[in-house]
Amino acid sequence: MRSITRSLRVVGVLALAAAGLVSVGGVDSGGTAAGAVSVAYGADPAVDPAPNDVVDERIVIDSGHVDAIAPRLVEGKFRTLFRDSRTSNAVWHEPTSVIMHLTSKSKETIPDPAGGLAFIGNPGDVYHSIPQTQNPEVLWAGWNTEAFQAADIQGEFELSLDEVEGPGSLLVFGWSPFGEPLMRFDTRDGLPDTYHVPARTHEHANWAFTEEGVYRMTFTFKARLASGEDVSDSQVFRLDRWRLDQRRCDRRWFRGRWDDGRRCD
């Protein structure tokens, strides 16, 4: 697959992007790259819980920063997990215990003329977006391989989107410095879609869901450990662009607790 970049209004942006230190993104309504900084940086292992702590209590998250797809060794086993990074003390969740909820603030409309957004749909079409640049009113989801040092694996991780069940299409993409879409995943031309991610990477992209509803996305992380062992783990991640809110629970879809700890049953 092609690589994501994010636009950066500083001198030397192309050199930094080529070195893999920044990813470039953000777009205005005409499809032109807008200024937004996202540096691939290292995590402080001290802020993460003990290596084997993985939470399976159900939770709904509808805003804030999450590294939704993140590999980690748990009791020596390679796992693809959900890393909740909304506080300095990151929490690792079983992916099936988390609902990522897109509120009405995620709604976008393709302008007329569509300009650089024509690859998503036609003028007037509505889609629902997780932006590459953080919007405090919308969930900000990315992926993260910071639990591994470069010496822990041979080469890079392989991240693939294997299957999507949902009412519409999913596009995950960034923007070149010239405002061109750089696609990570696009369900419209078939799956799986795969690309390579180095260790110690923290990355975000634009996620565009073309229809409202519930999406179940199967992601797989693969790697060859320094020992030569080939490892992989596939997990289903759920996202709702639905009418969930903090005043009620929809029993058809979820039982557990809201993000603030109140019961949802």
C-alpha atoms as a PDB file:
ATOM      1  CA  MET A   1       0.000   0.000   0.000  1.00  0.00           C
ATOM      2  CA  ARG A   2       0.921   3.613  -0.299  1.00  0.00           C
ATOM      3  CA  SER A   3       2.173   5.567   2.702  1.00  0.00           C
ATOM      4  CA  ILE A   4       0.352   8.278   4.653  1.00  0.00           C
ATOM      5  CA  THR A   5       1.878  11.734   5.075  1.00  0.00           C
ATOM      6  CA  ARG A   6       0.593  14.840   6.786  1.00  0.00           C
ATOM      7  CA  SER A   7       1.202  18.431   5.720  1.00  0.00           C
ATOM      8  CA  LEU A   8       3.614  20.427   7.817  1.00  0.00           C
ATOM      9  CA  ARG A   9       4.048  24.183   7.443  1.00  0.00           C
ATOM     10  CA  VAL A  10       7.689  24.344   8.376  1.00  0.00           C
ATOM     11  CA  VAL A  11      10.925  24.595   6.442  1.00  0.00           C
ATOM     12  CA  GLY A  12      12.241  21.212   5.459  1.00  0.00           C
ATOM     13  CA  VAL A  13       8.907  19.346   5.477  1.00  0.00           C
ATOM     14  CA  LEU A  14       9.797  17.171   2.506  1.00  0.00           C
ATOM     15  CA  ALA A  15      13.104  16.126   4.019  1.00  0.00           C
ATOM     16  CA  LEU A  16      11.446  15.280   7.331  1.00  0.00           C
ATOM     17  CA  ALA A  17       8.704  13.294   5.666  1.00  0.00           C
ATOM     18  CA  ALA A  18      11.204  11.401   3.556  1.00  0.00           C
ATOM     19  CA  ALA A  19      13.089  10.503   6.705  1.00  0.00           C
ATOM     20  CA  GLY A  20       9.898   9.091   8.206  1.00  0.00           C
ATOM     21  CA  LEU A  21       9.884  11.513  11.116  1.00  0.00           C
ATOM     22  CA  VAL A  22       6.621  13.210  10.313  1.00  0.00           C
ATOM     23  CA  SER A  23       3.396  12.292   8.643  1.00  0.00           C
ATOM     24  CA  VAL A  24       1.521  14.926   6.720  1.00  0.00           C
ATOM     25  CA  GLY A  25      -2.275  15.518   6.646  1.00  0.00           C
ATOM     26  CA  GLY A  26      -5.369  17.629   7.090  1.00  0.00           C
ATOM     27  CA  VAL A  27      -7.424  19.068   4.258  1.00  0.00           C
ATOM     28  CA  ASP A  28      -9.653  22.003   3.533  1.00  0.00           C
ATOM     29  CA  SER A  29     -12.996  21.711   1.767  1.00  0.00           C
ATOM     30  CA  GLY A  30     -11.317  21.959  -1.625  1.00  0.00           C
ATOM     31  CA  GLY A  31      -9.000  19.060  -0.960  1.00  0.00           C
ATOM     32  CA  THR A  32      -5.894  21.164  -0.336  1.00  0.00           C
ATOM     33  CA  ALA A  33      -3.495  20.000   2.338  1.00  0.00           C
ATOM     34  CA  ALA A  34      -3.854  22.025   5.522  1.00  0.00           C
ATOM     35  CA  GLY A  35      -1.197  22.609   8.185  1.00  0.00           C
ATOM     36  CA  ALA A  36      -1.049  19.949  10.879  1.00  0.00           C
ATOM     37  CA  VAL A  37       1.901  18.481  12.717  1.00  0.00           C
ATOM     38  CA  SER A  38       2.180  14.829  13.713  1.00  0.00           C
ATOM     39  CA  VAL A  39       5.592  13.578  14.772  1.00  0.00           C
ATOM     40  CA  ALA A  40       6.365   9.885  15.187  1.00  0.00           C
ATOM     41  CA  TYR A  41       7.672   9.845  18.744  1.00  0.00           C
ATOM     42  CA  GLY A  42       8.643   7.304  21.337  1.00  0.00           C
ATOM     43  CA  ALA A  43       6.486   6.355  24.296  1.00  0.00           C
ATOM     44  CA  ASP A  44       7.690   6.411  27.880  1.00  0.00           C
ATOM     45  CA  PRO A  45       7.329   2.804  29.063  1.00  0.00           C
ATOM     46  CA  ALA A  46       6.897   4.079  32.625  1.00  0.00           C
ATOM     47  CA  VAL A  47       3.421   5.436  31.853  1.00  0.00           C
ATOM     48  CA  ASP A  48       2.073   2.065  30.682  1.00  0.00           C
ATOM     49  CA  PRO A  49       0.686  -0.467  33.159  1.00  0.00           C
ATOM     50  CA  ALA A  50       2.357  -3.790  33.911  1.00  0.00           C
ATOM     51  CA  PRO A  51       3.014  -5.783  30.708  1.00  0.00           C
ATOM     52  CA  ASN A  52       0.290  -8.345  31.361  1.00  0.00           C
ATOM     53  CA  ASP A  53      -2.493  -5.899  32.307  1.00  0.00           C
ATOM     54  CA  VAL A  54      -5.204  -6.062  29.626  1.00  0.00           C
ATOM     55  CA  VAL A  55      -8.681  -4.807  30.530  1.00  0.00           C
ATOM     56  CA  ASP A  56     -11.760  -6.609  29.211  1.00  0.00           C
ATOM     57  CA  GLU A  57     -14.488  -4.530  30.875  1.00  0.00           C
ATOM     58  CA  ARG A  58     -16.736  -3.026  28.202  1.00  0.00           C
ATOM     59  CA  ILE A  59     -16.404   0.660  27.409  1.00  0.00           C
ATOM     60  CA  VAL A  60     -17.719   3.239  24.905  1.00  0.00           C
ATOM     61  CA  ILE A  61     -15.253   5.926  23.771  1.00  0.00           C
ATOM     62  CA  ASP A  62     -16.500   8.851  21.712  1.00  0.00           C
ATOM     63  CA  SER A  63     -13.742  11.484  22.012  1.00  0.00           C
ATOM     64  CA  GLY A  64     -10.059  11.840  22.771  1.00  0.00           C
ATOM     65  CA  HIS A  65      -6.848  10.212  21.603  1.00  0.00           C
ATOM     66  CA  VAL A  66      -6.719   6.435  21.248  1.00  0.00           C
ATOM     67  CA  ASP A  67      -4.110   4.250  19.561  1.00  0.00           C
ATOM     68  CA  ALA A  68      -6.852   1.891  18.500  1.00  0.00           C
ATOM     69  CA  ILE A  69      -4.664  -0.767  16.872  1.00  0.00           C
ATOM     70  CA  ALA A  70      -1.501  -1.602  18.796  1.00  0.00           C
ATOM     71  CA  PRO A  71       0.629  -4.773  19.072  1.00  0.00           C
ATOM     72  CA  ARG A  72       2.154  -5.914  22.333  1.00  0.00           C
ATOM     73  CA  LEU A  73       3.593  -9.008  24.022  1.00  0.00           C
ATOM     74  CA  VAL A  74       1.340 -10.259  26.837  1.00  0.00           C
ATOM     75  CA  GLU A  75       2.755 -13.118  28.899  1.00  0.00           C
ATOM     76  CA  GLY A  76       5.094 -13.783  26.005  1.00  0.00           C
ATOM     77  CA  LYS A  77       2.268 -13.953  23.454  1.00  0.00           C
ATOM     78  CA  PHE A  78       2.006 -11.506  20.553  1.00  0.00           C
ATOM     79  CA  ARG A  79      -1.298  -9.634  20.723  1.00  0.00           C
ATOM     80  CA  THR A  80      -3.093  -6.953  18.699  1.00  0.00           C
ATOM     81  CA  LEU A  81      -4.813  -4.765  21.302  1.00  0.00           C
ATOM     82  CA  PHE A  82      -6.634  -1.457  21.799  1.00  0.00           C
ATOM     83  CA  ARG A  83      -4.459   1.149  23.553  1.00  0.00           C
ATOM     84  CA  ASP A  84      -6.456   3.913  25.259  1.00  0.00           C
ATOM     85  CA  SER A  85      -4.069   6.888  25.280  1.00  0.00           C
ATOM     86  CA  ARG A  86      -6.438   9.571  26.540  1.00  0.00           C
ATOM     87  CA  THR A  87      -4.398  10.003  29.723  1.00  0.00           C
ATOM     88  CA  SER A  88      -0.704   9.709  30.506  1.00  0.00           C
ATOM     89  CA  ASN A  89      -1.424   6.319  32.100  1.00  0.00           C
ATOM     90  CA  ALA A  90      -2.339   4.352  28.985  1.00  0.00           C
ATOM     91  CA  VAL A  91      -4.800   1.477  29.382  1.00  0.00           C
ATOM     92  CA  TRP A  92      -4.684  -1.631  27.169  1.00  0.00           C
ATOM     93  CA  HIS A  93      -8.056  -3.159  26.281  1.00  0.00           C
ATOM     94  CA  GLU A  94      -9.263  -6.286  24.578  1.00  0.00           C
ATOM     95  CA  PRO A  95     -10.478  -4.882  21.222  1.00  0.00           C
ATOM     96  CA  THR A  96     -13.825  -6.678  21.452  1.00  0.00           C
ATOM     97  CA  SER A  97     -14.577  -4.869  24.721  1.00  0.00           C
ATOM     98  CA  VAL A  98     -14.432  -1.382  23.139  1.00  0.00           C
ATOM     99  CA  ILE A  99     -16.948   0.515  21.041  1.00  0.00           C
ATOM    100  CA  MET A 100     -15.484   3.489  19.187  1.00  0.00           C
ATOM    101  CA  HIS A 101     -18.420   5.858  18.850  1.00  0.00           C
ATOM    102  CA  LEU A 102     -18.560   8.602  16.230  1.00  0.00           C
ATOM    103  CA  THR A 103     -20.971  11.328  17.292  1.00  0.00           C
ATOM    104  CA  SER A 104     -22.884  13.667  14.989  1.00  0.00           C
ATOM    105  CA  LYS A 105     -19.811  15.959  15.034  1.00  0.00           C
ATOM    106  CA  SER A 106     -18.154  13.500  12.654  1.00  0.00           C
ATOM    107  CA  LYS A 107     -20.590  14.296   9.825  1.00  0.00           C
ATOM    108  CA  GLU A 108     -19.013  15.813   6.695  1.00  0.00           C
ATOM    109  CA  THR A 109     -20.497  16.814   3.329  1.00  0.00           C
ATOM    110  CA  ILE A 110     -18.583  16.795   0.047  1.00  0.00           C
ATOM    111  CA  PRO A 111     -18.668  20.335  -1.359  1.00  0.00           C
ATOM    112  CA  ASP A 112     -19.686  21.407  -4.845  1.00  0.00           C
ATOM    113  CA  PRO A 113     -17.380  21.297  -6.690  1.00  0.00           C
ATOM    114  CA  ALA A 114     -15.871  18.298  -4.905  1.00  0.00           C
ATOM    115  CA  GLY A 115     -12.305  19.277  -5.774  1.00  0.00           C
ATOM    116  CA  GLY A 116      -9.767  17.129  -3.989  1.00  0.00           C
ATOM    117  CA  LEU A 117     -12.513  15.182  -2.190  1.00  0.00           C
ATOM    118  CA  ALA A 118     -13.994  13.710  -5.366  1.00  0.00           C
ATOM    119  CA  PHE A 119     -12.304  10.377  -4.631  1.00  0.00           C
ATOM    120  CA  ILE A 120     -14.672   9.942  -1.649  1.00  0.00           C
ATOM    121  CA  GLY A 121     -17.928  10.631  -3.505  1.00  0.00           C
ATOM    122  CA  ASN A 122     -20.056  13.156  -5.337  1.00  0.00           C
ATOM    123  CA  PRO A 123     -20.951  16.727  -4.317  1.00  0.00           C
ATOM    124  CA  GLY A 124     -23.559  16.655  -1.577  1.00  0.00           C
ATOM    125  CA  ASP A 125     -22.669  13.145  -0.410  1.00  0.00           C
ATOM    126  CA  VAL A 126     -22.431  12.749   3.371  1.00  0.00           C
ATOM    127  CA  TYR A 127     -19.711  10.741   5.078  1.00  0.00           C
ATOM    128  CA  HIS A 128     -18.524  10.370   8.663  1.00  0.00           C
ATOM    129  CA  SER A 129     -14.924  11.097   9.516  1.00  0.00           C
ATOM    130  CA  ILE A 130     -12.223  10.457  12.071  1.00  0.00           C
ATOM    131  CA  PRO A 131      -9.826  13.280  11.189  1.00  0.00           C
ATOM    132  CA  GLN A 132      -6.067  12.942  10.925  1.00  0.00           C
ATOM    133  CA  THR A 133      -5.676  16.190  12.847  1.00  0.00           C
ATOM    134  CA  GLN A 134      -7.251  16.071  16.291  1.00  0.00           C
ATOM    135  CA  ASN A 135     -10.695  17.586  16.767  1.00  0.00           C
ATOM    136  CA  PRO A 136     -11.555  17.542  20.496  1.00  0.00           C
ATOM    137  CA  GLU A 137     -15.225  16.882  19.671  1.00  0.00           C
ATOM    138  CA  VAL A 138     -14.507  13.706  17.665  1.00  0.00           C
ATOM    139  CA  LEU A 139     -12.716  10.456  18.438  1.00  0.00           C
ATOM    140  CA  TRP A 140      -9.059  10.607  17.313  1.00  0.00           C
ATOM    141  CA  ALA A 141      -7.975   7.062  16.467  1.00  0.00           C
ATOM    142  CA  GLY A 142      -4.651   5.870  15.133  1.00  0.00           C
ATOM    143  CA  TRP A 143      -2.236   2.959  15.501  1.00  0.00           C
ATOM    144  CA  ASN A 144       0.885   2.450  17.547  1.00  0.00           C
ATOM    145  CA  THR A 145       3.911   0.104  17.594  1.00  0.00           C
ATOM    146  CA  GLU A 146       5.733   1.871  20.413  1.00  0.00           C
ATOM    147  CA  ALA A 147       5.674  -1.203  22.654  1.00  0.00           C
ATOM    148  CA  PHE A 148       8.493  -2.583  20.474  1.00  0.00           C
ATOM    149  CA  GLN A 149      12.022  -1.328  19.897  1.00  0.00           C
ATOM    150  CA  ALA A 150      13.560  -1.696  16.441  1.00  0.00           C
ATOM    151  CA  ALA A 151      15.824  -4.433  17.829  1.00  0.00           C
ATOM    152  CA  ASP A 152      12.791  -6.459  18.978  1.00  0.00           C
ATOM    153  CA  ILE A 153      11.742  -7.371  15.425  1.00  0.00           C
ATOM    154  CA  GLN A 154      13.354  -8.198  12.111  1.00  0.00           C
ATOM    155  CA  GLY A 155      12.317  -5.614   9.549  1.00  0.00           C
ATOM    156  CA  GLU A 156       8.949  -3.950  10.048  1.00  0.00           C
ATOM    157  CA  PHE A 157       5.443  -4.814  11.159  1.00  0.00           C
ATOM    158  CA  GLU A 158       2.826  -5.727   8.590  1.00  0.00           C
ATOM    159  CA  LEU A 159      -0.583  -4.214   9.304  1.00  0.00           C
ATOM    160  CA  SER A 160      -3.514  -5.416   7.228  1.00  0.00           C
ATOM    161  CA  LEU A 161      -7.207  -4.671   7.057  1.00  0.00           C
ATOM    162  CA  ASP A 162      -8.661  -8.083   6.238  1.00  0.00           C
ATOM    163  CA  GLU A 163     -12.424  -7.638   6.392  1.00  0.00           C
ATOM    164  CA  VAL A 164     -15.042  -4.961   7.075  1.00  0.00           C
ATOM    165  CA  GLU A 165     -18.670  -5.661   7.903  1.00  0.00           C
ATOM    166  CA  GLY A 166     -20.797  -2.526   7.695  1.00  0.00           C
ATOM    167  CA  PRO A 167     -23.371  -0.561   5.731  1.00  0.00           C
ATOM    168  CA  GLY A 168     -20.884   1.385   3.618  1.00  0.00           C
ATOM    169  CA  SER A 169     -17.295   1.697   2.485  1.00  0.00           C
ATOM    170  CA  LEU A 170     -14.249   2.584   4.590  1.00  0.00           C
ATOM    171  CA  LEU A 171     -11.354   4.702   3.330  1.00  0.00           C
ATOM    172  CA  VAL A 172      -8.276   5.342   5.469  1.00  0.00           C
ATOM    173  CA  PHE A 173      -5.911   7.867   3.935  1.00  0.00           C
ATOM    174  CA  GLY A 174      -3.527  10.780   4.407  1.00  0.00           C
ATOM    175  CA  TRP A 175      -2.496  13.717   2.235  1.00  0.00           C
ATOM    176  CA  SER A 176       0.642  14.397   0.262  1.00  0.00           C
ATOM    177  CA  PRO A 177       2.233  17.875   0.521  1.00  0.00           C
ATOM    178  CA  PHE A 178       0.408  18.613  -2.752  1.00  0.00           C
ATOM    179  CA  GLY A 179      -3.037  17.711  -1.407  1.00  0.00           C
ATOM    180  CA  GLU A 180      -3.267  14.300  -3.068  1.00  0.00           C
ATOM    181  CA  PRO A 181      -4.834  11.398  -1.152  1.00  0.00           C
ATOM    182  CA  LEU A 182      -2.389   8.714  -0.060  1.00  0.00           C
ATOM    183  CA  MET A 183      -4.474   5.623   0.649  1.00  0.00           C
ATOM    184  CA  ARG A 184      -3.815   3.159   3.450  1.00  0.00           C
ATOM    185  CA  PHE A 185      -6.999   1.108   3.143  1.00  0.00           C
ATOM    186  CA  ASP A 186      -9.916   1.259   0.719  1.00  0.00           C
ATOM    187  CA  THR A 187     -12.633  -1.378   0.938  1.00  0.00           C
ATOM    188  CA  ARG A 188     -14.045  -0.387  -2.449  1.00  0.00           C
ATOM    189  CA  ASP A 189     -11.271  -2.123  -4.408  1.00  0.00           C
ATOM    190  CA  GLY A 190     -11.166  -5.272  -2.303  1.00  0.00           C
ATOM    191  CA  LEU A 191      -9.441  -6.537   0.813  1.00  0.00           C
ATOM    192  CA  PRO A 192      -7.025  -7.347   2.346  1.00  0.00           C
ATOM    193  CA  ASP A 193      -5.002  -4.135   2.136  1.00  0.00           C
ATOM    194  CA  THR A 194      -1.555  -4.268   3.714  1.00  0.00           C
ATOM    195  CA  TYR A 195       1.347  -1.944   4.443  1.00  0.00           C
ATOM    196  CA  HIS A 196       4.462  -1.924   6.609  1.00  0.00           C
ATOM    197  CA  VAL A 197       4.922  -0.033   9.882  1.00  0.00           C
ATOM    198  CA  PRO A 198       8.269   0.362  11.669  1.00  0.00           C
ATOM    199  CA  ALA A 199       8.680  -0.249  15.379  1.00  0.00           C
ATOM    200  CA  ARG A 200       8.309   2.829  17.635  1.00  0.00           C
ATOM    201  CA  THR A 201       5.713   4.342  15.295  1.00  0.00           C
ATOM    202  CA  HIS A 202       2.698   6.402  16.347  1.00  0.00           C
ATOM    203  CA  GLU A 203       0.497   7.404  13.422  1.00  0.00           C
ATOM    204  CA  HIS A 204      -2.903   8.887  12.584  1.00  0.00           C
ATOM    205  CA  ALA A 205      -4.908   9.123   9.365  1.00  0.00           C
ATOM    206  CA  ASN A 206      -8.277  10.220   8.022  1.00  0.00           C
ATOM    207  CA  TRP A 207     -10.984   7.551   8.339  1.00  0.00           C
ATOM    208  CA  ALA A 208     -14.028   8.076   6.090  1.00  0.00           C
ATOM    209  CA  PHE A 209     -17.159   5.934   6.566  1.00  0.00           C
ATOM    210  CA  THR A 210     -19.573   6.447   3.695  1.00  0.00           C
ATOM    211  CA  GLU A 211     -22.738   5.337   5.523  1.00  0.00           C
ATOM    212  CA  GLU A 212     -24.084   5.658   9.046  1.00  0.00           C
ATOM    213  CA  GLY A 213     -24.179   2.477  11.090  1.00  0.00           C
ATOM    214  CA  VAL A 214     -22.069  -0.191  12.773  1.00  0.00           C
ATOM    215  CA  TYR A 215     -18.726  -1.307  11.314  1.00  0.00           C
ATOM    216  CA  ARG A 216     -16.733  -4.345  12.404  1.00  0.00           C
ATOM    217  CA  MET A 217     -13.176  -4.167  11.104  1.00  0.00           C
ATOM    218  CA  THR A 218     -10.742  -7.086  11.243  1.00  0.00           C
ATOM    219  CA  PHE A 219      -7.146  -5.885  11.552  1.00  0.00           C
ATOM    220  CA  THR A 220      -4.046  -8.090  11.736  1.00  0.00           C
ATOM    221  CA  PHE A 221      -0.552  -7.200  12.923  1.00  0.00           C
ATOM    222  CA  LYS A 222       2.260  -9.523  11.825  1.00  0.00           C
ATOM    223  CA  ALA A 223       5.972  -9.467  12.593  1.00  0.00           C
ATOM    224  CA  ARG A 224       9.119 -11.557  12.731  1.00  0.00           C
ATOM    225  CA  LEU A 225      10.596 -11.291  16.202  1.00  0.00           C
ATOM    226  CA  ALA A 226      14.322 -10.904  16.777  1.00  0.00           C
ATOM    227  CA  SER A 227      14.386 -14.612  17.660  1.00  0.00           C
ATOM    228  CA  GLY A 228      13.193 -15.442  14.141  1.00  0.00           C
ATOM    229  CA  GLU A 229       9.692 -16.449  15.268  1.00  0.00           C
ATOM    230  CA  ASP A 230       6.872 -15.315  12.974  1.00  0.00           C
ATOM    231  CA  VAL A 231       3.930 -13.971  14.957  1.00  0.00           C
ATOM    232  CA  SER A 232       0.518 -12.532  14.107  1.00  0.00           C
ATOM    233  CA  ASP A 233      -2.789 -11.695  15.758  1.00  0.00           C
ATOM    234  CA  SER A 234      -6.126 -10.734  14.172  1.00  0.00           C
ATOM    235  CA  GLN A 235      -8.786  -8.836  16.102  1.00  0.00           C
ATOM    236  CA  VAL A 236     -12.168  -7.287  15.362  1.00  0.00           C
ATOM    237  CA  PHE A 237     -12.500  -3.580  16.138  1.00  0.00           C
ATOM    238  CA  ARG A 238     -15.965  -2.040  16.312  1.00  0.00           C
ATOM    239  CA  LEU A 239     -16.990   1.491  15.379  1.00  0.00           C
ATOM    240  CA  ASP A 240     -20.497   2.943  15.620  1.00  0.00           C
ATOM    241  CA  ARG A 241     -21.777   6.013  13.776  1.00  0.00           C
ATOM    242  CA  TRP A 242     -25.075   5.562  15.469  1.00  0.00           C
ATOM    243  CA  ARG A 243     -27.384   7.323  17.878  1.00  0.00           C
ATOM    244  CA  LEU A 244     -25.623   6.304  21.057  1.00  0.00           C
ATOM    245  CA  ASP A 245     -25.347   9.073  23.600  1.00  0.00           C
ATOM    246  CA  GLN A 246     -24.492   9.481  27.270  1.00  0.00           C
ATOM    247  CA  ARG A 247     -28.152   9.625  28.332  1.00  0.00           C
ATOM    248  CA  ARG A 248     -29.108   6.071  27.429  1.00  0.00           C
ATOM    249  CA  CYS A 249     -27.820   2.680  26.339  1.00  0.00           C
ATOM    250  CA  ASP A 250     -28.943   0.785  23.276  1.00  0.00           C
ATOM    251  CA  ARG A 251     -29.389  -2.810  24.489  1.00  0.00           C
ATOM    252  CA  ARG A 252     -29.399  -4.162  20.953  1.00  0.00           C
ATOM    253  CA  TRP A 253     -25.717  -3.392  20.597  1.00  0.00           C
ATOM    254  CA  PHE A 254     -23.889  -3.116  23.901  1.00  0.00           C
ATOM    255  CA  ARG A 255     -23.907  -4.057  27.553  1.00  0.00           C
ATOM    256  CA  GLY A 256     -21.268  -2.924  30.016  1.00  0.00           C
ATOM    257  CA  ARG A 257     -20.243   0.534  31.190  1.00  0.00           C
ATOM    258  CA  TRP A 258     -20.044   3.972  29.722  1.00  0.00           C
ATOM    259  CA  ASP A 259     -16.696   5.690  29.439  1.00  0.00           C
ATOM    260  CA  ASP A 260     -17.303   7.568  32.725  1.00  0.00           C
ATOM    261  CA  GLY A 261     -17.923   4.321  34.615  1.00  0.00           C
ATOM    262  CA  ARG A 262     -21.734   4.382  34.751  1.00  0.00           C
ATOM    263  CA  ARG A 263     -23.402   1.085  33.956  1.00  0.00           C
ATOM    264  CA  CYS A 264     -24.848   0.543  30.507  1.00  0.00           C
ATOM    265  CA  ASP A 265     -27.255  -2.396  30.854  1.00  0.00           C
END
